[in-house]
Amino acid sequence: MTWKYIFLLKAAINWLESVILLFADPWIRKLLGQEPLTNPEYSQLFLVLVFIIGIGYWWVGKDVSRNHAIVKLGIYAQSSVFVVLAYHTLVRNLHPFYIIPGVIDLVFAILFGLFLYSYARMKPVVPSSLEEKTS
């Protein structure tokens, strides 16, 4: 039951984060003393995809026994976001504020990995004699 709420929470975080950054990024950059983006369309495309991935997390949260490929994709996507944001923070292309969503994504990537691991261990094993009867 807890996993359900973790996926639903991540869906809500994705939706909230993407909408806020989609509309408030220029204001946040100004507040932090950062240059405006040269090509904001790339950031906007990314944020729309973040929103859509949130829909996938919602689907998983509605039935944690299904859609595990979405969970795997989420692990790769969230880990990638962390790596890119950490790199750009280290080379001082981004204000450290922007690493916060990356850290959140990394935490959820780890949680999602634990989910897949625990779910695989909980999966019932069908005895071979029963398997033959159902075939």
Protein backbone atom coordinates (compact mmCIF):
# COMPACT_ATOMS: atom_id res chain seq x y z
CA MET A 1 0.00 0.00 0.00
CA THR A 2 2.89 2.38 0.78
CA TRP A 3 4.29 2.01 -2.75
CA LYS A 4 1.00 3.22 -4.18
CA TYR A 5 1.33 6.50 -2.31
CA ILE A 6 4.99 6.91 -3.23
CA PHE A 7 4.11 6.73 -6.94
CA LEU A 8 1.12 9.03 -6.54
CA LEU A 9 3.30 11.49 -4.59
CA LYS A 10 5.95 11.44 -7.33
CA ALA A 11 3.25 12.05 -9.94
CA ALA A 12 2.04 15.08 -7.99
CA ILE A 13 5.62 16.35 -7.54
CA ASN A 14 6.25 16.03 -11.29
CA TRP A 15 3.07 17.92 -12.11
CA LEU A 16 3.66 20.66 -9.55
CA GLU A 17 7.35 21.05 -10.36
CA SER A 18 6.80 21.15 -14.12
CA VAL A 19 3.97 23.70 -13.96
CA ILE A 20 5.81 25.96 -11.51
CA LEU A 21 9.06 25.89 -13.49
CA LEU A 22 7.25 26.24 -16.81
CA PHE A 23 5.73 29.54 -15.72
CA ALA A 24 8.11 30.79 -13.02
CA ASP A 25 11.58 29.88 -14.35
CA PRO A 26 12.29 33.36 -15.81
CA TRP A 27 11.27 34.94 -12.49
CA ILE A 28 13.32 32.40 -10.46
CA ARG A 29 16.37 33.01 -12.69
CA LYS A 30 16.05 36.77 -12.21
CA LEU A 31 15.70 36.34 -8.44
CA LEU A 32 18.84 34.13 -8.36
CA GLY A 33 20.84 36.48 -10.60
CA GLN A 34 20.96 33.97 -13.47
CA GLU A 35 20.90 34.82 -17.14
CA PRO A 36 17.64 34.14 -18.98
CA LEU A 37 17.64 31.06 -21.16
CA THR A 38 18.73 31.57 -24.76
CA ASN A 39 16.45 28.81 -26.02
CA PRO A 40 13.57 28.47 -23.55
CA GLU A 41 11.78 26.03 -25.87
CA TYR A 42 14.15 23.23 -24.79
CA SER A 43 13.35 23.81 -21.14
CA GLN A 44 9.66 23.97 -21.96
CA LEU A 45 9.83 20.69 -23.90
CA PHE A 46 11.62 19.04 -20.98
CA LEU A 47 9.07 20.33 -18.47
CA VAL A 48 6.16 19.08 -20.58
CA LEU A 49 7.82 15.65 -20.67
CA VAL A 50 8.24 15.78 -16.88
CA PHE A 51 4.51 16.41 -16.64
CA ILE A 52 3.76 13.47 -18.96
CA ILE A 53 6.07 11.13 -17.02
CA GLY A 54 4.01 12.13 -13.98
CA ILE A 55 1.00 10.59 -15.73
CA GLY A 56 2.97 7.34 -15.98
CA TYR A 57 3.72 7.44 -12.25
CA TRP A 58 0.02 8.00 -11.61
CA TRP A 59 -0.79 4.87 -13.66
CA VAL A 60 1.72 2.84 -11.64
CA GLY A 61 0.29 4.21 -8.38
CA LYS A 62 -3.21 3.17 -9.39
CA ASP A 63 -2.03 -0.45 -9.84
CA VAL A 64 1.47 -1.23 -8.55
CA SER A 65 1.30 -4.75 -9.96
CA ARG A 66 1.43 -3.37 -13.52
CA ASN A 67 3.40 -0.89 -15.62
CA HIS A 68 6.82 -1.83 -14.25
CA ALA A 69 8.42 -0.72 -17.52
CA ILE A 70 7.33 2.82 -16.60
CA VAL A 71 9.11 2.40 -13.27
CA LYS A 72 12.31 1.30 -15.04
CA LEU A 73 12.08 4.23 -17.45
CA GLY A 74 11.52 6.52 -14.48
CA ILE A 75 14.67 5.25 -12.77
CA TYR A 76 16.73 6.03 -15.88
CA ALA A 77 15.08 9.41 -16.43
CA GLN A 78 15.38 10.54 -12.81
CA SER A 79 18.99 9.40 -12.51
CA SER A 80 19.81 11.24 -15.74
CA VAL A 81 18.19 14.43 -14.46
CA PHE A 82 20.31 14.24 -11.32
CA VAL A 83 23.54 13.64 -13.27
CA VAL A 84 22.91 16.53 -15.67
CA LEU A 85 21.91 18.97 -12.93
CA ALA A 86 24.81 17.92 -10.69
CA TYR A 87 27.28 18.37 -13.54
CA HIS A 88 25.98 21.82 -14.44
CA THR A 89 25.95 22.84 -10.80
CA LEU A 90 29.57 21.67 -10.37
CA VAL A 91 30.78 23.58 -13.44
CA ARG A 92 28.79 26.60 -12.25
CA ASN A 93 26.39 26.77 -15.20
CA LEU A 94 23.47 26.56 -12.79
CA HIS A 95 22.67 28.09 -9.44
CA PRO A 96 22.77 25.40 -6.70
CA PHE A 97 19.00 25.93 -6.25
CA TYR A 98 18.47 23.90 -9.41
CA ILE A 99 20.10 20.77 -7.93
CA ILE A 100 17.16 20.41 -5.50
CA PRO A 101 14.85 18.80 -8.11
CA GLY A 102 17.74 16.56 -9.13
CA VAL A 103 18.24 15.33 -5.57
CA ILE A 104 14.51 14.69 -5.26
CA ASP A 105 14.64 12.69 -8.50
CA LEU A 106 17.64 10.69 -7.29
CA VAL A 107 15.84 9.79 -4.05
CA PHE A 108 12.81 8.60 -6.01
CA ALA A 109 15.02 6.67 -8.46
CA ILE A 110 16.47 4.80 -5.50
CA LEU A 111 12.99 4.22 -4.04
CA PHE A 112 11.74 2.95 -7.41
CA GLY A 113 14.69 0.56 -7.60
CA LEU A 114 13.80 -0.72 -4.14
CA PHE A 115 10.21 -1.14 -5.29
CA LEU A 116 11.22 -3.26 -8.28
CA TYR A 117 13.56 -5.32 -6.11
CA SER A 118 10.96 -5.89 -3.38
CA TYR A 119 8.19 -6.60 -5.88
CA ALA A 120 10.33 -9.23 -7.65
CA ARG A 121 11.00 -10.91 -4.29
CA MET A 122 7.30 -10.90 -3.34
CA LYS A 123 6.14 -12.39 -6.64
CA PRO A 124 4.61 -15.80 -5.94
CA VAL A 125 6.40 -18.75 -7.46
CA VAL A 126 4.07 -21.17 -9.23
CA PRO A 127 5.00 -24.81 -8.52
CA SER A 128 5.96 -26.62 -11.71
CA SER A 129 3.22 -29.28 -11.24
CA LEU A 130 0.55 -26.57 -11.05
CA GLU A 131 2.09 -24.74 -13.99
CA GLU A 132 1.78 -27.88 -16.16
CA LYS A 133 -1.91 -28.30 -15.26
CA THR A 134 -2.74 -24.71 -16.25
CA SER A 135 -0.95 -24.94 -19.60
